[in-house]
Amino acid sequence: MEQIRTGDALLVVDVQNDFLPGGTLAVPDGAAVIPVLSRYLALFHSKGLPIIATRDWHPSNHCSFREQGGPWPAHCIAQTAGAQFPANLQLPPSVFIISKGDDPTQEAYSGFQDTLLHAHLQTVGVTRLFVGGLTTDYCVLQTVRDARSLGYRVCLLTDGTRAVNVRPDDGRKAQEEMVRLGAVPLHLEQLAA
């Protein structure tokens, strides 16, 4: 069993309407992360531990969009319904929101890229991150990669992530890569209340 304690934080990556069923870049089984992450959210909130949520917050001409020559359909355009967090994801009022990907010329999968995430975590004394969200093979992977390179210990919430799987094994390979980098795979039943 893993005990959460002072110095830990929950990081929810890009659980936004456009990545859910009916969204412009819907992730297969993406909605399955919501009830699981809601339980993690309740647990961390009950302990008074920091909770951070990242979100894609793209301009309408973002370089990752197919219309601009990128690989993805337009998604998570700032101020649109698709960029919002789903109503059933129970984020507490104290959540610290990190917007990323707002430079039209830069792809930004990681929650650390050109954001205040690292500075915020240092300010609130975080040394270990519990990371879940969408997607295993892009934004979760890159966020975990950067977290490890910055010296954070990472627990990967395997029950609270899903992959887009452009290639069938992308999610599995991403998870293996994160573990190789030192992330500890974890699911809710392994977390002591």
N, C-alpha and C. Protein backbone atom coordinates (compact mmCIF):
# COMPACT_ATOMS: atom_id res chain seq x y z
N MET A 1 0.84 -1.20 0.00
CA MET A 1 0.00 0.00 0.00
C MET A 1 0.88 1.25 0.00
N GLU A 2 0.42 2.25 -0.72
CA GLU A 2 1.14 3.53 -0.81
C GLU A 2 0.37 4.55 0.04
N GLN A 3 1.09 5.25 0.91
CA GLN A 3 0.48 6.24 1.79
C GLN A 3 0.70 7.63 1.18
N ILE A 4 -0.36 8.44 1.08
CA ILE A 4 -0.14 9.82 0.63
C ILE A 4 0.14 10.69 1.85
N ARG A 5 0.96 11.70 1.64
CA ARG A 5 1.44 12.50 2.76
C ARG A 5 1.84 13.89 2.27
N THR A 6 2.21 14.72 3.21
CA THR A 6 2.70 16.06 2.89
C THR A 6 3.83 15.95 1.88
N GLY A 7 3.81 16.81 0.87
CA GLY A 7 4.80 16.75 -0.21
C GLY A 7 4.26 16.09 -1.46
N ASP A 8 3.07 15.46 -1.34
CA ASP A 8 2.43 14.82 -2.50
C ASP A 8 1.42 15.77 -3.13
N ALA A 9 1.20 15.59 -4.42
CA ALA A 9 0.16 16.34 -5.13
C ALA A 9 -0.44 15.45 -6.20
N LEU A 10 -1.70 15.72 -6.52
CA LEU A 10 -2.40 15.04 -7.61
C LEU A 10 -2.36 15.93 -8.83
N LEU A 11 -1.94 15.37 -9.96
CA LEU A 11 -1.87 16.11 -11.22
C LEU A 11 -2.78 15.42 -12.23
N VAL A 12 -3.86 16.09 -12.58
CA VAL A 12 -4.84 15.57 -13.54
C VAL A 12 -4.55 16.23 -14.89
N VAL A 13 -4.22 15.40 -15.88
CA VAL A 13 -3.74 15.90 -17.17
C VAL A 13 -4.86 15.89 -18.21
N ASP A 14 -5.26 17.06 -18.66
CA ASP A 14 -6.05 17.25 -19.89
C ASP A 14 -7.33 16.42 -19.99
N VAL A 15 -8.07 16.31 -18.90
CA VAL A 15 -9.39 15.66 -18.97
C VAL A 15 -10.37 16.75 -19.38
N GLN A 16 -10.56 16.88 -20.71
CA GLN A 16 -11.34 17.96 -21.30
C GLN A 16 -12.36 17.39 -22.27
N ASN A 17 -13.42 18.14 -22.48
CA ASN A 17 -14.54 17.63 -23.28
C ASN A 17 -14.14 17.16 -24.67
N ASP A 18 -13.21 17.83 -25.33
CA ASP A 18 -12.84 17.42 -26.69
C ASP A 18 -12.14 16.07 -26.74
N PHE A 19 -11.62 15.60 -25.59
CA PHE A 19 -10.98 14.28 -25.55
C PHE A 19 -11.93 13.18 -25.09
N LEU A 20 -13.18 13.54 -24.86
CA LEU A 20 -14.19 12.61 -24.36
C LEU A 20 -15.20 12.29 -25.46
N PRO A 21 -16.05 11.27 -25.26
CA PRO A 21 -17.02 10.92 -26.31
C PRO A 21 -17.80 12.14 -26.80
N GLY A 22 -17.87 12.28 -28.13
CA GLY A 22 -18.53 13.43 -28.74
C GLY A 22 -17.60 14.60 -29.00
N GLY A 23 -16.38 14.54 -28.46
CA GLY A 23 -15.41 15.61 -28.68
C GLY A 23 -14.72 15.46 -30.02
N THR A 24 -14.00 16.50 -30.42
CA THR A 24 -13.36 16.49 -31.74
C THR A 24 -12.15 15.56 -31.82
N LEU A 25 -11.60 15.17 -30.66
CA LEU A 25 -10.45 14.26 -30.61
C LEU A 25 -10.70 13.24 -29.50
N ALA A 26 -11.83 12.56 -29.60
CA ALA A 26 -12.26 11.64 -28.54
C ALA A 26 -11.27 10.48 -28.39
N VAL A 27 -10.89 10.22 -27.15
CA VAL A 27 -9.97 9.14 -26.82
C VAL A 27 -10.79 7.88 -26.56
N PRO A 28 -10.42 6.75 -27.17
CA PRO A 28 -11.17 5.52 -26.89
C PRO A 28 -11.25 5.24 -25.38
N ASP A 29 -12.46 5.07 -24.89
CA ASP A 29 -12.70 4.77 -23.47
C ASP A 29 -12.24 5.92 -22.55
N GLY A 30 -12.09 7.12 -23.11
CA GLY A 30 -11.58 8.24 -22.32
C GLY A 30 -12.44 8.59 -21.12
N ALA A 31 -13.76 8.43 -21.25
CA ALA A 31 -14.65 8.80 -20.14
C ALA A 31 -14.45 7.90 -18.93
N ALA A 32 -13.83 6.74 -19.11
CA ALA A 32 -13.62 5.81 -17.99
C ALA A 32 -12.70 6.39 -16.92
N VAL A 33 -11.91 7.39 -17.27
CA VAL A 33 -11.00 7.97 -16.26
C VAL A 33 -11.75 8.86 -15.27
N ILE A 34 -12.93 9.35 -15.64
CA ILE A 34 -13.59 10.36 -14.81
C ILE A 34 -14.00 9.83 -13.44
N PRO A 35 -14.73 8.70 -13.34
CA PRO A 35 -15.08 8.23 -11.98
C PRO A 35 -13.85 7.85 -11.15
N VAL A 36 -12.84 7.31 -11.79
CA VAL A 36 -11.62 6.93 -11.06
C VAL A 36 -10.89 8.17 -10.56
N LEU A 37 -10.67 9.13 -11.45
CA LEU A 37 -9.97 10.35 -11.04
C LEU A 37 -10.78 11.13 -10.01
N SER A 38 -12.11 11.06 -10.10
CA SER A 38 -12.94 11.74 -9.09
C SER A 38 -12.69 11.16 -7.69
N ARG A 39 -12.42 9.87 -7.62
CA ARG A 39 -12.11 9.25 -6.32
C ARG A 39 -10.73 9.70 -5.82
N TYR A 40 -9.75 9.77 -6.73
CA TYR A 40 -8.45 10.32 -6.34
C TYR A 40 -8.60 11.78 -5.88
N LEU A 41 -9.39 12.54 -6.61
CA LEU A 41 -9.60 13.95 -6.26
C LEU A 41 -10.19 14.07 -4.86
N ALA A 42 -11.19 13.25 -4.56
CA ALA A 42 -11.82 13.31 -3.24
C ALA A 42 -10.81 12.97 -2.15
N LEU A 43 -9.98 11.98 -2.41
CA LEU A 43 -8.98 11.55 -1.42
C LEU A 43 -7.95 12.64 -1.16
N PHE A 44 -7.39 13.20 -2.22
CA PHE A 44 -6.38 14.25 -2.04
C PHE A 44 -6.99 15.50 -1.41
N HIS A 45 -8.22 15.83 -1.81
CA HIS A 45 -8.90 17.00 -1.24
C HIS A 45 -9.15 16.79 0.25
N SER A 46 -9.55 15.59 0.63
CA SER A 46 -9.84 15.31 2.05
C SER A 46 -8.59 15.43 2.91
N LYS A 47 -7.42 15.21 2.31
CA LYS A 47 -6.15 15.32 3.04
C LYS A 47 -5.56 16.73 2.96
N GLY A 48 -6.21 17.63 2.22
CA GLY A 48 -5.70 18.98 2.09
C GLY A 48 -4.44 19.08 1.24
N LEU A 49 -4.24 18.10 0.36
CA LEU A 49 -3.05 18.09 -0.49
C LEU A 49 -3.31 18.82 -1.81
N PRO A 50 -2.26 19.37 -2.42
CA PRO A 50 -2.44 20.16 -3.65
C PRO A 50 -3.00 19.31 -4.80
N ILE A 51 -3.88 19.94 -5.56
CA ILE A 51 -4.46 19.33 -6.77
C ILE A 51 -4.25 20.30 -7.91
N ILE A 52 -3.68 19.78 -9.00
CA ILE A 52 -3.41 20.60 -10.19
C ILE A 52 -4.08 19.93 -11.38
N ALA A 53 -4.68 20.71 -12.25
CA ALA A 53 -5.26 20.19 -13.49
C ALA A 53 -4.66 20.95 -14.66
N THR A 54 -4.09 20.22 -15.62
CA THR A 54 -3.62 20.87 -16.84
C THR A 54 -4.71 20.82 -17.90
N ARG A 55 -4.63 21.75 -18.83
CA ARG A 55 -5.58 21.76 -19.95
C ARG A 55 -4.89 22.31 -21.19
N ASP A 56 -5.21 21.69 -22.34
CA ASP A 56 -4.87 22.32 -23.61
C ASP A 56 -5.73 23.57 -23.74
N TRP A 57 -5.13 24.64 -24.19
CA TRP A 57 -5.83 25.93 -24.27
C TRP A 57 -5.35 26.62 -25.55
N HIS A 58 -5.74 25.99 -26.66
CA HIS A 58 -5.14 26.34 -27.94
C HIS A 58 -5.81 27.54 -28.61
N PRO A 59 -5.02 28.34 -29.35
CA PRO A 59 -5.62 29.31 -30.28
C PRO A 59 -6.20 28.54 -31.47
N SER A 60 -7.08 29.19 -32.20
CA SER A 60 -7.77 28.50 -33.31
C SER A 60 -6.84 28.15 -34.47
N ASN A 61 -5.65 28.77 -34.50
CA ASN A 61 -4.68 28.48 -35.58
C ASN A 61 -3.47 27.71 -35.05
N HIS A 62 -3.69 26.84 -34.06
CA HIS A 62 -2.56 26.14 -33.44
C HIS A 62 -1.88 25.20 -34.44
N CYS A 63 -0.55 25.12 -34.33
CA CYS A 63 0.25 24.34 -35.28
C CYS A 63 -0.04 22.84 -35.25
N SER A 64 -0.65 22.34 -34.18
CA SER A 64 -0.94 20.90 -34.10
C SER A 64 -2.19 20.52 -34.90
N PHE A 65 -2.96 21.51 -35.35
CA PHE A 65 -4.22 21.23 -36.06
C PHE A 65 -3.96 20.88 -37.52
N ARG A 66 -4.73 19.95 -38.03
CA ARG A 66 -4.56 19.53 -39.42
C ARG A 66 -4.63 20.70 -40.39
N GLU A 67 -5.50 21.67 -40.11
CA GLU A 67 -5.64 22.84 -40.99
C GLU A 67 -4.33 23.63 -41.10
N GLN A 68 -3.47 23.46 -40.07
CA GLN A 68 -2.18 24.16 -40.07
C GLN A 68 -1.04 23.21 -40.43
N GLY A 69 -1.37 22.00 -40.87
CA GLY A 69 -0.35 21.02 -41.23
C GLY A 69 0.04 20.08 -40.11
N GLY A 70 -0.66 20.16 -38.98
CA GLY A 70 -0.36 19.29 -37.84
C GLY A 70 -1.08 17.95 -37.93
N PRO A 71 -0.89 17.09 -36.93
CA PRO A 71 -1.45 15.73 -36.99
C PRO A 71 -2.88 15.58 -36.46
N TRP A 72 -3.41 16.60 -35.76
CA TRP A 72 -4.66 16.42 -35.01
C TRP A 72 -5.79 17.28 -35.56
N PRO A 73 -7.03 16.82 -35.40
CA PRO A 73 -8.16 17.73 -35.67
C PRO A 73 -8.12 18.87 -34.65
N ALA A 74 -8.73 20.00 -35.01
CA ALA A 74 -8.80 21.13 -34.08
C ALA A 74 -9.46 20.67 -32.79
N HIS A 75 -8.86 21.05 -31.65
CA HIS A 75 -9.38 20.59 -30.36
C HIS A 75 -8.99 21.58 -29.27
N CYS A 76 -9.78 21.60 -28.21
CA CYS A 76 -9.49 22.38 -27.01
C CYS A 76 -9.11 23.82 -27.33
N ILE A 77 -9.91 24.45 -28.19
CA ILE A 77 -9.69 25.86 -28.51
C ILE A 77 -10.13 26.68 -27.30
N ALA A 78 -9.25 27.57 -26.85
CA ALA A 78 -9.50 28.36 -25.64
C ALA A 78 -10.88 28.99 -25.66
N GLN A 79 -11.53 28.95 -24.52
CA GLN A 79 -12.84 29.56 -24.29
C GLN A 79 -14.01 28.83 -24.96
N THR A 80 -13.76 27.65 -25.55
CA THR A 80 -14.87 26.89 -26.14
C THR A 80 -15.30 25.77 -25.19
N ALA A 81 -16.48 25.21 -25.46
CA ALA A 81 -16.99 24.12 -24.63
C ALA A 81 -16.06 22.91 -24.69
N GLY A 82 -15.44 22.68 -25.84
CA GLY A 82 -14.54 21.53 -25.98
C GLY A 82 -13.31 21.62 -25.10
N ALA A 83 -12.92 22.83 -24.73
CA ALA A 83 -11.73 23.01 -23.89
C ALA A 83 -12.05 22.93 -22.40
N GLN A 84 -13.34 22.93 -22.06
CA GLN A 84 -13.73 22.90 -20.65
C GLN A 84 -13.53 21.52 -20.03
N PHE A 85 -13.39 21.50 -18.72
CA PHE A 85 -13.39 20.24 -17.98
C PHE A 85 -14.83 19.72 -17.95
N PRO A 86 -15.03 18.41 -18.02
CA PRO A 86 -16.39 17.89 -17.97
C PRO A 86 -17.03 18.15 -16.61
N ALA A 87 -18.32 18.37 -16.62
CA ALA A 87 -19.04 18.71 -15.38
C ALA A 87 -18.93 17.62 -14.33
N ASN A 88 -18.81 16.36 -14.76
CA ASN A 88 -18.78 15.25 -13.79
C ASN A 88 -17.38 14.93 -13.27
N LEU A 89 -16.37 15.70 -13.70
CA LEU A 89 -15.04 15.59 -13.09
C LEU A 89 -15.04 16.53 -11.88
N GLN A 90 -14.98 15.95 -10.70
CA GLN A 90 -15.23 16.73 -9.49
C GLN A 90 -13.97 17.44 -9.00
N LEU A 91 -13.61 18.51 -9.73
CA LEU A 91 -12.45 19.31 -9.33
C LEU A 91 -12.87 20.23 -8.18
N PRO A 92 -12.08 20.26 -7.10
CA PRO A 92 -12.44 21.15 -5.98
C PRO A 92 -12.17 22.61 -6.33
N PRO A 93 -12.80 23.54 -5.62
CA PRO A 93 -12.57 24.97 -5.90
C PRO A 93 -11.10 25.37 -5.76
N SER A 94 -10.34 24.63 -4.96
CA SER A 94 -8.93 24.96 -4.71
C SER A 94 -8.00 24.49 -5.82
N VAL A 95 -8.51 23.82 -6.85
CA VAL A 95 -7.65 23.28 -7.90
C VAL A 95 -6.83 24.39 -8.55
N PHE A 96 -5.57 24.11 -8.83
CA PHE A 96 -4.69 25.05 -9.53
C PHE A 96 -4.67 24.62 -11.00
N ILE A 97 -5.12 25.49 -11.89
CA ILE A 97 -5.25 25.14 -13.32
C ILE A 97 -4.05 25.68 -14.10
N ILE A 98 -3.46 24.79 -14.88
CA ILE A 98 -2.34 25.13 -15.75
C ILE A 98 -2.83 25.03 -17.20
N SER A 99 -2.80 26.15 -17.92
CA SER A 99 -3.15 26.16 -19.34
C SER A 99 -1.87 26.03 -20.16
N LYS A 100 -1.94 25.21 -21.20
CA LYS A 100 -0.75 24.98 -22.02
C LYS A 100 -1.13 24.95 -23.50
N GLY A 101 -0.10 25.08 -24.34
CA GLY A 101 -0.35 25.03 -25.78
C GLY A 101 -1.01 26.28 -26.32
N ASP A 102 -0.77 27.42 -25.66
CA ASP A 102 -1.41 28.66 -26.12
C ASP A 102 -0.58 29.44 -27.13
N ASP A 103 0.64 28.97 -27.38
CA ASP A 103 1.46 29.58 -28.45
C ASP A 103 1.13 28.86 -29.75
N PRO A 104 0.64 29.59 -30.77
CA PRO A 104 0.22 28.92 -32.00
C PRO A 104 1.34 28.20 -32.74
N THR A 105 2.60 28.54 -32.42
CA THR A 105 3.73 27.96 -33.16
C THR A 105 4.40 26.79 -32.44
N GLN A 106 3.92 26.44 -31.22
CA GLN A 106 4.59 25.42 -30.42
C GLN A 106 3.63 24.31 -30.02
N GLU A 107 4.01 23.06 -30.30
CA GLU A 107 3.28 21.93 -29.73
C GLU A 107 3.65 21.87 -28.25
N ALA A 108 2.72 21.53 -27.39
CA ALA A 108 3.01 21.49 -25.96
C ALA A 108 2.23 20.34 -25.33
N TYR A 109 2.83 19.16 -25.34
CA TYR A 109 2.18 18.01 -24.71
C TYR A 109 2.38 18.04 -23.19
N SER A 110 3.54 18.47 -22.74
CA SER A 110 3.85 18.42 -21.31
C SER A 110 3.23 19.59 -20.55
N GLY A 111 2.72 19.28 -19.36
CA GLY A 111 2.20 20.33 -18.49
C GLY A 111 3.27 21.27 -17.97
N PHE A 112 4.53 20.88 -18.14
CA PHE A 112 5.64 21.73 -17.69
C PHE A 112 6.12 22.70 -18.77
N GLN A 113 5.76 22.45 -20.03
CA GLN A 113 6.34 23.22 -21.13
C GLN A 113 5.78 24.64 -21.17
N ASP A 114 6.65 25.61 -20.91
CA ASP A 114 6.29 27.03 -20.95
C ASP A 114 5.12 27.36 -20.04
N THR A 115 5.07 26.71 -18.87
CA THR A 115 4.02 27.01 -17.89
C THR A 115 4.65 27.28 -16.52
N LEU A 116 3.79 27.61 -15.57
CA LEU A 116 4.24 27.86 -14.20
C LEU A 116 4.15 26.62 -13.31
N LEU A 117 3.99 25.44 -13.92
CA LEU A 117 3.76 24.25 -13.12
C LEU A 117 4.92 23.95 -12.16
N HIS A 118 6.13 23.94 -12.67
CA HIS A 118 7.29 23.63 -11.81
C HIS A 118 7.40 24.66 -10.68
N ALA A 119 7.27 25.93 -11.00
CA ALA A 119 7.36 26.99 -9.99
C ALA A 119 6.27 26.82 -8.93
N HIS A 120 5.06 26.49 -9.37
CA HIS A 120 3.95 26.30 -8.42
C HIS A 120 4.23 25.12 -7.50
N LEU A 121 4.69 24.01 -8.06
CA LEU A 121 4.97 22.83 -7.25
C LEU A 121 6.05 23.11 -6.22
N GLN A 122 7.06 23.87 -6.62
CA GLN A 122 8.12 24.23 -5.67
C GLN A 122 7.59 25.13 -4.57
N THR A 123 6.73 26.07 -4.95
CA THR A 123 6.17 27.01 -3.97
C THR A 123 5.37 26.27 -2.90
N VAL A 124 4.61 25.24 -3.30
CA VAL A 124 3.77 24.53 -2.33
C VAL A 124 4.45 23.29 -1.76
N GLY A 125 5.74 23.09 -2.08
CA GLY A 125 6.53 22.05 -1.43
C GLY A 125 6.27 20.63 -1.91
N VAL A 126 5.92 20.48 -3.18
CA VAL A 126 5.63 19.15 -3.72
C VAL A 126 6.92 18.46 -4.14
N THR A 127 7.06 17.19 -3.74
CA THR A 127 8.21 16.38 -4.17
C THR A 127 7.77 15.12 -4.91
N ARG A 128 6.48 14.75 -4.76
CA ARG A 128 5.99 13.54 -5.44
C ARG A 128 4.64 13.84 -6.09
N LEU A 129 4.52 13.43 -7.35
CA LEU A 129 3.31 13.67 -8.13
C LEU A 129 2.59 12.36 -8.43
N PHE A 130 1.30 12.38 -8.25
CA PHE A 130 0.42 11.29 -8.66
C PHE A 130 -0.27 11.75 -9.92
N VAL A 131 0.03 11.12 -11.05
CA VAL A 131 -0.36 11.64 -12.37
C VAL A 131 -1.34 10.71 -13.06
N GLY A 132 -2.46 11.27 -13.50
CA GLY A 132 -3.43 10.55 -14.32
C GLY A 132 -4.04 11.49 -15.33
N GLY A 133 -4.82 10.94 -16.27
CA GLY A 133 -5.49 11.79 -17.24
C GLY A 133 -5.33 11.28 -18.65
N LEU A 134 -5.41 12.21 -19.59
CA LEU A 134 -5.42 11.90 -21.02
C LEU A 134 -4.31 12.67 -21.74
N THR A 135 -3.59 12.05 -22.59
CA THR A 135 -3.60 10.64 -22.90
C THR A 135 -2.27 10.02 -22.48
N THR A 136 -2.33 8.71 -22.18
CA THR A 136 -1.14 7.98 -21.73
C THR A 136 0.05 8.21 -22.65
N ASP A 137 -0.21 8.19 -23.95
CA ASP A 137 0.87 8.17 -24.94
C ASP A 137 1.31 9.54 -25.43
N TYR A 138 0.67 10.60 -24.98
CA TYR A 138 1.10 11.95 -25.37
C TYR A 138 1.28 12.83 -24.14
N CYS A 139 0.23 13.47 -23.68
CA CYS A 139 0.40 14.48 -22.64
C CYS A 139 0.80 13.90 -21.29
N VAL A 140 0.27 12.72 -20.93
CA VAL A 140 0.70 12.10 -19.68
C VAL A 140 2.17 11.70 -19.78
N LEU A 141 2.54 11.05 -20.86
CA LEU A 141 3.94 10.63 -21.07
C LEU A 141 4.89 11.81 -20.98
N GLN A 142 4.62 12.87 -21.72
CA GLN A 142 5.55 14.01 -21.76
C GLN A 142 5.60 14.74 -20.42
N THR A 143 4.47 14.80 -19.73
CA THR A 143 4.44 15.44 -18.41
C THR A 143 5.25 14.63 -17.41
N VAL A 144 5.08 13.31 -17.43
CA VAL A 144 5.86 12.45 -16.53
C VAL A 144 7.34 12.52 -16.87
N ARG A 145 7.67 12.52 -18.14
CA ARG A 145 9.07 12.61 -18.56
C ARG A 145 9.71 13.89 -18.00
N ASP A 146 9.01 15.01 -18.13
CA ASP A 146 9.55 16.27 -17.61
C ASP A 146 9.60 16.27 -16.08
N ALA A 147 8.58 15.71 -15.44
CA ALA A 147 8.57 15.65 -13.98
C ALA A 147 9.79 14.87 -13.47
N ARG A 148 10.07 13.75 -14.10
CA ARG A 148 11.23 12.95 -13.68
C ARG A 148 12.53 13.71 -13.93
N SER A 149 12.63 14.40 -15.07
CA SER A 149 13.87 15.13 -15.36
C SER A 149 14.08 16.29 -14.39
N LEU A 150 12.99 16.79 -13.80
CA LEU A 150 13.07 17.87 -12.82
C LEU A 150 13.25 17.35 -11.39
N GLY A 151 13.28 16.03 -11.24
CA GLY A 151 13.58 15.45 -9.95
C GLY A 151 12.38 15.05 -9.10
N TYR A 152 11.18 15.16 -9.65
CA TYR A 152 10.00 14.73 -8.89
C TYR A 152 9.90 13.21 -8.90
N ARG A 153 9.49 12.64 -7.78
CA ARG A 153 9.08 11.25 -7.78
C ARG A 153 7.67 11.21 -8.38
N VAL A 154 7.36 10.16 -9.10
CA VAL A 154 6.09 10.09 -9.83
C VAL A 154 5.43 8.74 -9.57
N CYS A 155 4.13 8.80 -9.25
CA CYS A 155 3.27 7.62 -9.26
C CYS A 155 2.32 7.77 -10.43
N LEU A 156 2.32 6.80 -11.33
CA LEU A 156 1.47 6.82 -12.51
C LEU A 156 0.17 6.09 -12.20
N LEU A 157 -0.93 6.80 -12.28
CA LEU A 157 -2.25 6.24 -11.94
C LEU A 157 -2.78 5.46 -13.14
N THR A 158 -2.40 4.20 -13.20
CA THR A 158 -2.69 3.40 -14.40
C THR A 158 -4.18 3.20 -14.63
N ASP A 159 -4.98 3.25 -13.56
CA ASP A 159 -6.43 3.12 -13.73
C ASP A 159 -7.08 4.45 -14.10
N GLY A 160 -6.33 5.52 -14.05
CA GLY A 160 -6.86 6.85 -14.35
C GLY A 160 -6.24 7.46 -15.59
N THR A 161 -5.75 6.61 -16.51
CA THR A 161 -5.20 7.09 -17.79
C THR A 161 -5.79 6.26 -18.92
N ARG A 162 -5.85 6.85 -20.10
CA ARG A 162 -6.21 6.13 -21.32
C ARG A 162 -5.36 6.69 -22.46
N ALA A 163 -5.12 5.83 -23.46
CA ALA A 163 -4.27 6.20 -24.59
C ALA A 163 -5.12 6.48 -25.82
N VAL A 164 -4.60 7.35 -26.69
CA VAL A 164 -5.26 7.58 -27.98
C VAL A 164 -4.91 6.45 -28.96
N ASN A 165 -3.71 5.87 -28.79
CA ASN A 165 -3.27 4.71 -29.59
C ASN A 165 -3.40 4.95 -31.11
N VAL A 166 -2.68 5.95 -31.59
CA VAL A 166 -2.59 6.14 -33.04
C VAL A 166 -2.06 4.86 -33.67
N ARG A 167 -1.06 4.26 -33.03
CA ARG A 167 -0.62 2.90 -33.33
C ARG A 167 -1.05 2.03 -32.15
N PRO A 168 -1.47 0.78 -32.41
CA PRO A 168 -2.13 -0.01 -31.37
C PRO A 168 -1.38 -0.16 -30.05
N ASP A 169 -0.05 -0.17 -30.09
CA ASP A 169 0.73 -0.40 -28.86
C ASP A 169 1.23 0.88 -28.20
N ASP A 170 0.82 2.05 -28.68
CA ASP A 170 1.38 3.31 -28.17
C ASP A 170 1.20 3.47 -26.66
N GLY A 171 0.00 3.15 -26.17
CA GLY A 171 -0.26 3.32 -24.74
C GLY A 171 0.61 2.42 -23.89
N ARG A 172 0.71 1.15 -24.28
CA ARG A 172 1.53 0.20 -23.54
C ARG A 172 3.00 0.63 -23.56
N LYS A 173 3.48 1.03 -24.73
CA LYS A 173 4.88 1.46 -24.84
C LYS A 173 5.14 2.72 -24.00
N ALA A 174 4.18 3.63 -23.99
CA ALA A 174 4.33 4.86 -23.19
C ALA A 174 4.41 4.52 -21.70
N GLN A 175 3.55 3.60 -21.27
CA GLN A 175 3.57 3.21 -19.86
C GLN A 175 4.91 2.56 -19.51
N GLU A 176 5.39 1.69 -20.38
CA GLU A 176 6.70 1.06 -20.14
C GLU A 176 7.81 2.10 -20.08
N GLU A 177 7.74 3.11 -20.94
CA GLU A 177 8.75 4.18 -20.94
C GLU A 177 8.71 4.96 -19.63
N MET A 178 7.51 5.28 -19.14
CA MET A 178 7.41 6.02 -17.88
C MET A 178 7.96 5.21 -16.72
N VAL A 179 7.68 3.92 -16.69
CA VAL A 179 8.22 3.05 -15.64
C VAL A 179 9.74 2.98 -15.75
N ARG A 180 10.25 2.88 -16.97
CA ARG A 180 11.70 2.87 -17.17
C ARG A 180 12.34 4.15 -16.63
N LEU A 181 11.63 5.26 -16.73
CA LEU A 181 12.14 6.54 -16.24
C LEU A 181 12.00 6.68 -14.72
N GLY A 182 11.36 5.70 -14.09
CA GLY A 182 11.27 5.71 -12.63
C GLY A 182 9.89 5.95 -12.07
N ALA A 183 8.88 6.11 -12.92
CA ALA A 183 7.51 6.27 -12.41
C ALA A 183 7.04 4.93 -11.83
N VAL A 184 6.30 5.02 -10.76
CA VAL A 184 5.77 3.83 -10.08
C VAL A 184 4.31 3.64 -10.50
N PRO A 185 3.99 2.54 -11.19
CA PRO A 185 2.60 2.33 -11.59
C PRO A 185 1.75 2.00 -10.36
N LEU A 186 0.55 2.57 -10.33
CA LEU A 186 -0.28 2.48 -9.13
C LEU A 186 -1.73 2.52 -9.54
N HIS A 187 -2.59 1.84 -8.80
CA HIS A 187 -4.03 2.05 -8.98
C HIS A 187 -4.67 2.25 -7.62
N LEU A 188 -5.91 2.71 -7.63
CA LEU A 188 -6.56 3.23 -6.43
C LEU A 188 -6.53 2.26 -5.26
N GLU A 189 -6.70 0.98 -5.54
CA GLU A 189 -6.75 0.00 -4.45
C GLU A 189 -5.40 -0.11 -3.73
N GLN A 190 -4.32 0.39 -4.35
CA GLN A 190 -3.01 0.35 -3.71
C GLN A 190 -2.71 1.58 -2.86
N LEU A 191 -3.68 2.50 -2.79
CA LEU A 191 -3.48 3.76 -2.09
C LEU A 191 -4.20 3.71 -0.76
N ALA A 192 -3.47 3.81 0.32
CA ALA A 192 -4.07 3.81 1.65
C ALA A 192 -4.74 5.15 1.92
N ALA A 193 -5.95 5.11 2.44
CA ALA A 193 -6.68 6.36 2.73
C ALA A 193 -6.07 7.07 3.93
